[in-house]
Amino acid sequence: MKKKEPLKIDSLIEKVLKNAENKKREYIQREDLLRFLETRFNPGISRHIQLGKLRKKRMTIKVDSTIWIMNFRNRELISLINEFLGGDKVDKITLRKQ
């Protein structure tokens, strides 16, 4: 059985910093998207939703009330998110109650 070589501290620090930078960039993009949706979709929406991750063109959005699930206009929301992200990045949204 082959032993794994230990990670060097500089490569470990580099990985941690890169991960932190990616998370910060993702957080900023989510906040920017929420502001965009406030102006173009529904004022006050950011108080009622939490954007999830985007995986395989699918985004999960958590909402604070089932009324929001019933009132969402998915096609319009998908179109606006794609406009913000610059391309065909989202083709389905899943809404879940928090």
N, C-alpha and C. Protein backbone atom coordinates (compact mmCIF):
# COMPACT_ATOMS: atom_id res chain seq x y z
N MET A 1 0.83 -1.17 0.00
CA MET A 1 0.00 0.00 0.00
C MET A 1 0.88 1.24 0.00
N LYS A 2 0.57 2.14 -0.92
CA LYS A 2 1.38 3.35 -1.09
C LYS A 2 0.93 4.43 -0.12
N LYS A 3 1.90 5.05 0.54
CA LYS A 3 1.57 6.13 1.46
C LYS A 3 1.44 7.44 0.68
N LYS A 4 0.48 8.24 1.11
CA LYS A 4 0.34 9.57 0.51
C LYS A 4 1.38 10.49 1.10
N GLU A 5 1.92 11.33 0.24
CA GLU A 5 2.86 12.32 0.73
C GLU A 5 2.10 13.42 1.44
N PRO A 6 2.64 13.92 2.53
CA PRO A 6 1.96 15.01 3.22
C PRO A 6 1.96 16.28 2.37
N LEU A 7 0.93 17.07 2.56
CA LEU A 7 0.85 18.34 1.85
C LEU A 7 1.84 19.33 2.42
N LYS A 8 2.43 20.10 1.54
CA LYS A 8 3.31 21.16 2.00
C LYS A 8 2.45 22.32 2.46
N ILE A 9 2.90 23.02 3.47
CA ILE A 9 2.11 24.09 4.07
C ILE A 9 1.77 25.19 3.06
N ASP A 10 2.69 25.51 2.17
CA ASP A 10 2.41 26.58 1.20
C ASP A 10 1.32 26.18 0.21
N SER A 11 1.29 24.91 -0.19
CA SER A 11 0.23 24.47 -1.10
C SER A 11 -1.11 24.40 -0.36
N LEU A 12 -1.08 24.04 0.92
CA LEU A 12 -2.30 24.01 1.71
C LEU A 12 -2.86 25.42 1.89
N ILE A 13 -2.01 26.37 2.19
CA ILE A 13 -2.44 27.77 2.35
C ILE A 13 -3.00 28.29 1.04
N GLU A 14 -2.36 27.96 -0.06
CA GLU A 14 -2.83 28.39 -1.37
C GLU A 14 -4.24 27.85 -1.65
N LYS A 15 -4.48 26.58 -1.33
CA LYS A 15 -5.81 25.98 -1.53
C LYS A 15 -6.86 26.67 -0.66
N VAL A 16 -6.53 26.94 0.59
CA VAL A 16 -7.47 27.59 1.51
C VAL A 16 -7.81 28.99 1.01
N LEU A 17 -6.80 29.74 0.59
CA LEU A 17 -7.04 31.10 0.09
C LEU A 17 -7.87 31.10 -1.18
N LYS A 18 -7.59 30.17 -2.07
CA LYS A 18 -8.36 30.08 -3.32
C LYS A 18 -9.82 29.72 -3.02
N ASN A 19 -10.04 28.81 -2.08
CA ASN A 19 -11.39 28.43 -1.69
C ASN A 19 -12.13 29.62 -1.08
N ALA A 20 -11.45 30.37 -0.22
CA ALA A 20 -12.07 31.55 0.41
C ALA A 20 -12.40 32.61 -0.63
N GLU A 21 -11.52 32.79 -1.59
CA GLU A 21 -11.75 33.77 -2.66
C GLU A 21 -12.95 33.37 -3.51
N ASN A 22 -13.07 32.09 -3.84
CA ASN A 22 -14.21 31.61 -4.62
C ASN A 22 -15.52 31.80 -3.86
N LYS A 23 -15.52 31.51 -2.55
CA LYS A 23 -16.73 31.69 -1.75
C LYS A 23 -17.12 33.16 -1.67
N LYS A 24 -16.14 34.04 -1.54
CA LYS A 24 -16.41 35.47 -1.48
C LYS A 24 -17.01 35.95 -2.80
N ARG A 25 -16.45 35.51 -3.91
CA ARG A 25 -16.95 35.88 -5.24
C ARG A 25 -18.38 35.38 -5.43
N GLU A 26 -18.65 34.15 -5.00
CA GLU A 26 -20.00 33.57 -5.11
C GLU A 26 -20.99 34.36 -4.26
N TYR A 27 -20.59 34.76 -3.05
CA TYR A 27 -21.46 35.53 -2.17
C TYR A 27 -21.78 36.89 -2.79
N ILE A 28 -20.78 37.56 -3.32
CA ILE A 28 -20.98 38.87 -3.94
C ILE A 28 -21.91 38.74 -5.14
N GLN A 29 -21.74 37.70 -5.95
CA GLN A 29 -22.61 37.51 -7.11
C GLN A 29 -24.06 37.26 -6.67
N ARG A 30 -24.27 36.51 -5.61
CA ARG A 30 -25.63 36.27 -5.10
C ARG A 30 -26.27 37.58 -4.64
N GLU A 31 -25.50 38.38 -3.92
CA GLU A 31 -26.02 39.67 -3.45
C GLU A 31 -26.36 40.58 -4.62
N ASP A 32 -25.51 40.60 -5.63
CA ASP A 32 -25.78 41.41 -6.82
C ASP A 32 -27.02 40.91 -7.55
N LEU A 33 -27.18 39.60 -7.64
CA LEU A 33 -28.36 39.03 -8.28
C LEU A 33 -29.63 39.39 -7.51
N LEU A 34 -29.58 39.35 -6.19
CA LEU A 34 -30.75 39.73 -5.39
C LEU A 34 -31.12 41.19 -5.63
N ARG A 35 -30.13 42.09 -5.69
CA ARG A 35 -30.41 43.49 -5.98
C ARG A 35 -31.02 43.65 -7.37
N PHE A 36 -30.51 42.90 -8.33
CA PHE A 36 -31.03 42.93 -9.69
C PHE A 36 -32.50 42.48 -9.71
N LEU A 37 -32.81 41.40 -9.00
CA LEU A 37 -34.18 40.90 -8.95
C LEU A 37 -35.11 41.87 -8.22
N GLU A 38 -34.58 42.60 -7.25
CA GLU A 38 -35.37 43.63 -6.56
C GLU A 38 -35.86 44.68 -7.54
N THR A 39 -35.00 45.07 -8.46
CA THR A 39 -35.37 46.15 -9.39
C THR A 39 -36.16 45.65 -10.59
N ARG A 40 -35.91 44.44 -11.03
CA ARG A 40 -36.51 43.97 -12.28
C ARG A 40 -37.66 42.98 -12.11
N PHE A 41 -37.75 42.32 -10.95
CA PHE A 41 -38.74 41.26 -10.78
C PHE A 41 -39.79 41.63 -9.73
N ASN A 42 -39.34 41.89 -8.49
CA ASN A 42 -40.29 42.14 -7.42
C ASN A 42 -39.59 42.87 -6.27
N PRO A 43 -39.94 44.14 -6.05
CA PRO A 43 -39.34 44.85 -4.91
C PRO A 43 -39.66 44.13 -3.60
N GLY A 44 -38.68 43.97 -2.75
CA GLY A 44 -38.88 43.27 -1.48
C GLY A 44 -38.63 41.79 -1.53
N ILE A 45 -38.29 41.27 -2.70
CA ILE A 45 -38.10 39.81 -2.85
C ILE A 45 -36.95 39.29 -1.99
N SER A 46 -35.92 40.11 -1.79
CA SER A 46 -34.75 39.63 -1.05
C SER A 46 -35.06 39.34 0.41
N ARG A 47 -36.15 39.88 0.94
CA ARG A 47 -36.54 39.57 2.32
C ARG A 47 -37.22 38.20 2.42
N HIS A 48 -37.61 37.63 1.29
CA HIS A 48 -38.41 36.40 1.32
C HIS A 48 -37.74 35.19 0.68
N ILE A 49 -36.61 35.40 0.01
CA ILE A 49 -35.96 34.26 -0.65
C ILE A 49 -34.50 34.17 -0.26
N GLN A 50 -33.96 32.97 -0.44
CA GLN A 50 -32.54 32.71 -0.25
C GLN A 50 -32.09 31.91 -1.46
N LEU A 51 -31.15 32.47 -2.21
CA LEU A 51 -30.67 31.80 -3.42
C LEU A 51 -29.77 30.63 -3.05
N GLY A 52 -30.01 29.50 -3.68
CA GLY A 52 -29.17 28.33 -3.47
C GLY A 52 -28.10 28.26 -4.55
N LYS A 53 -27.42 27.14 -4.59
CA LYS A 53 -26.37 26.95 -5.59
C LYS A 53 -26.95 26.60 -6.94
N LEU A 54 -26.18 26.88 -7.94
CA LEU A 54 -26.53 26.55 -9.32
C LEU A 54 -25.74 25.32 -9.71
N ARG A 55 -26.46 24.23 -10.00
CA ARG A 55 -25.81 22.98 -10.40
C ARG A 55 -26.51 22.43 -11.62
N LYS A 56 -25.75 22.15 -12.64
CA LYS A 56 -26.28 21.55 -13.86
C LYS A 56 -27.51 22.30 -14.38
N LYS A 57 -27.39 23.62 -14.45
CA LYS A 57 -28.44 24.49 -14.97
C LYS A 57 -29.70 24.49 -14.11
N ARG A 58 -29.59 24.06 -12.86
CA ARG A 58 -30.73 24.06 -11.96
C ARG A 58 -30.38 24.85 -10.71
N MET A 59 -31.28 25.75 -10.34
CA MET A 59 -31.08 26.57 -9.16
C MET A 59 -32.19 26.28 -8.15
N THR A 60 -31.79 26.15 -6.90
CA THR A 60 -32.75 25.98 -5.83
C THR A 60 -32.90 27.32 -5.12
N ILE A 61 -34.15 27.71 -4.88
CA ILE A 61 -34.44 28.93 -4.16
C ILE A 61 -35.31 28.58 -2.98
N LYS A 62 -34.88 28.99 -1.78
CA LYS A 62 -35.67 28.77 -0.58
C LYS A 62 -36.53 30.00 -0.35
N VAL A 63 -37.79 29.77 -0.04
CA VAL A 63 -38.72 30.86 0.22
C VAL A 63 -39.26 30.73 1.65
N ASP A 64 -39.69 31.85 2.21
CA ASP A 64 -40.14 31.82 3.60
C ASP A 64 -41.62 31.51 3.76
N SER A 65 -42.34 31.41 2.65
CA SER A 65 -43.78 31.16 2.73
C SER A 65 -44.25 30.41 1.49
N THR A 66 -45.22 29.55 1.68
CA THR A 66 -45.76 28.82 0.53
C THR A 66 -46.47 29.75 -0.44
N ILE A 67 -46.90 30.91 0.03
CA ILE A 67 -47.51 31.89 -0.87
C ILE A 67 -46.52 32.32 -1.94
N TRP A 68 -45.25 32.46 -1.55
CA TRP A 68 -44.23 32.81 -2.54
C TRP A 68 -44.07 31.72 -3.59
N ILE A 69 -44.18 30.48 -3.17
CA ILE A 69 -44.06 29.37 -4.13
C ILE A 69 -45.19 29.46 -5.15
N MET A 70 -46.38 29.74 -4.68
CA MET A 70 -47.54 29.80 -5.58
C MET A 70 -47.49 31.02 -6.50
N ASN A 71 -46.87 32.10 -6.05
CA ASN A 71 -46.89 33.34 -6.82
C ASN A 71 -45.69 33.53 -7.75
N PHE A 72 -44.73 32.62 -7.72
CA PHE A 72 -43.55 32.79 -8.57
C PHE A 72 -43.90 32.58 -10.03
N ARG A 73 -43.34 33.42 -10.84
CA ARG A 73 -43.45 33.29 -12.29
C ARG A 73 -42.10 32.74 -12.77
N ASN A 74 -42.01 31.41 -12.78
CA ASN A 74 -40.73 30.75 -13.01
C ASN A 74 -40.06 31.14 -14.32
N ARG A 75 -40.80 31.14 -15.41
CA ARG A 75 -40.19 31.44 -16.72
C ARG A 75 -39.59 32.85 -16.73
N GLU A 76 -40.32 33.80 -16.15
CA GLU A 76 -39.82 35.18 -16.10
C GLU A 76 -38.58 35.26 -15.21
N LEU A 77 -38.62 34.56 -14.08
CA LEU A 77 -37.48 34.57 -13.17
C LEU A 77 -36.25 33.91 -13.81
N ILE A 78 -36.44 32.81 -14.48
CA ILE A 78 -35.33 32.14 -15.18
C ILE A 78 -34.74 33.08 -16.22
N SER A 79 -35.58 33.74 -16.97
CA SER A 79 -35.12 34.68 -18.00
C SER A 79 -34.29 35.80 -17.39
N LEU A 80 -34.74 36.36 -16.27
CA LEU A 80 -33.99 37.44 -15.62
C LEU A 80 -32.66 36.96 -15.04
N ILE A 81 -32.66 35.78 -14.44
CA ILE A 81 -31.41 35.23 -13.89
C ILE A 81 -30.41 34.99 -15.02
N ASN A 82 -30.87 34.43 -16.13
CA ASN A 82 -29.99 34.21 -17.28
C ASN A 82 -29.48 35.53 -17.85
N GLU A 83 -30.33 36.54 -17.87
CA GLU A 83 -29.88 37.86 -18.32
C GLU A 83 -28.77 38.38 -17.42
N PHE A 84 -28.94 38.24 -16.13
CA PHE A 84 -27.94 38.70 -15.17
C PHE A 84 -26.63 37.92 -15.31
N LEU A 85 -26.74 36.60 -15.43
CA LEU A 85 -25.54 35.76 -15.50
C LEU A 85 -24.88 35.78 -16.87
N GLY A 86 -25.61 36.28 -17.88
CA GLY A 86 -25.03 36.40 -19.21
C GLY A 86 -24.99 35.09 -19.98
N GLY A 87 -26.12 34.54 -20.27
CA GLY A 87 -26.17 33.31 -21.05
C GLY A 87 -27.25 32.39 -20.56
N ASP A 88 -27.25 31.20 -21.11
CA ASP A 88 -28.25 30.19 -20.78
C ASP A 88 -27.71 29.31 -19.65
N LYS A 89 -27.65 29.86 -18.44
CA LYS A 89 -27.05 29.15 -17.30
C LYS A 89 -28.08 28.40 -16.47
N VAL A 90 -29.35 28.86 -16.48
CA VAL A 90 -30.40 28.24 -15.67
C VAL A 90 -31.54 27.82 -16.58
N ASP A 91 -31.98 26.58 -16.46
CA ASP A 91 -33.16 26.16 -17.22
C ASP A 91 -34.28 25.64 -16.32
N LYS A 92 -33.98 25.51 -15.00
CA LYS A 92 -35.02 25.06 -14.07
C LYS A 92 -34.75 25.65 -12.69
N ILE A 93 -35.84 26.03 -12.03
CA ILE A 93 -35.77 26.53 -10.67
C ILE A 93 -36.64 25.64 -9.79
N THR A 94 -36.07 25.23 -8.68
CA THR A 94 -36.81 24.47 -7.69
C THR A 94 -37.04 25.36 -6.49
N LEU A 95 -38.29 25.52 -6.09
CA LEU A 95 -38.64 26.34 -4.94
C LEU A 95 -38.91 25.45 -3.74
N ARG A 96 -38.33 25.81 -2.61
CA ARG A 96 -38.53 25.04 -1.39
C ARG A 96 -38.83 25.99 -0.24
N LYS A 97 -39.68 25.57 0.65
CA LYS A 97 -39.97 26.37 1.83
C LYS A 97 -38.85 26.19 2.83
N GLN A 98 -38.40 27.31 3.43
CA GLN A 98 -37.30 27.27 4.40
C GLN A 98 -37.72 26.58 5.67
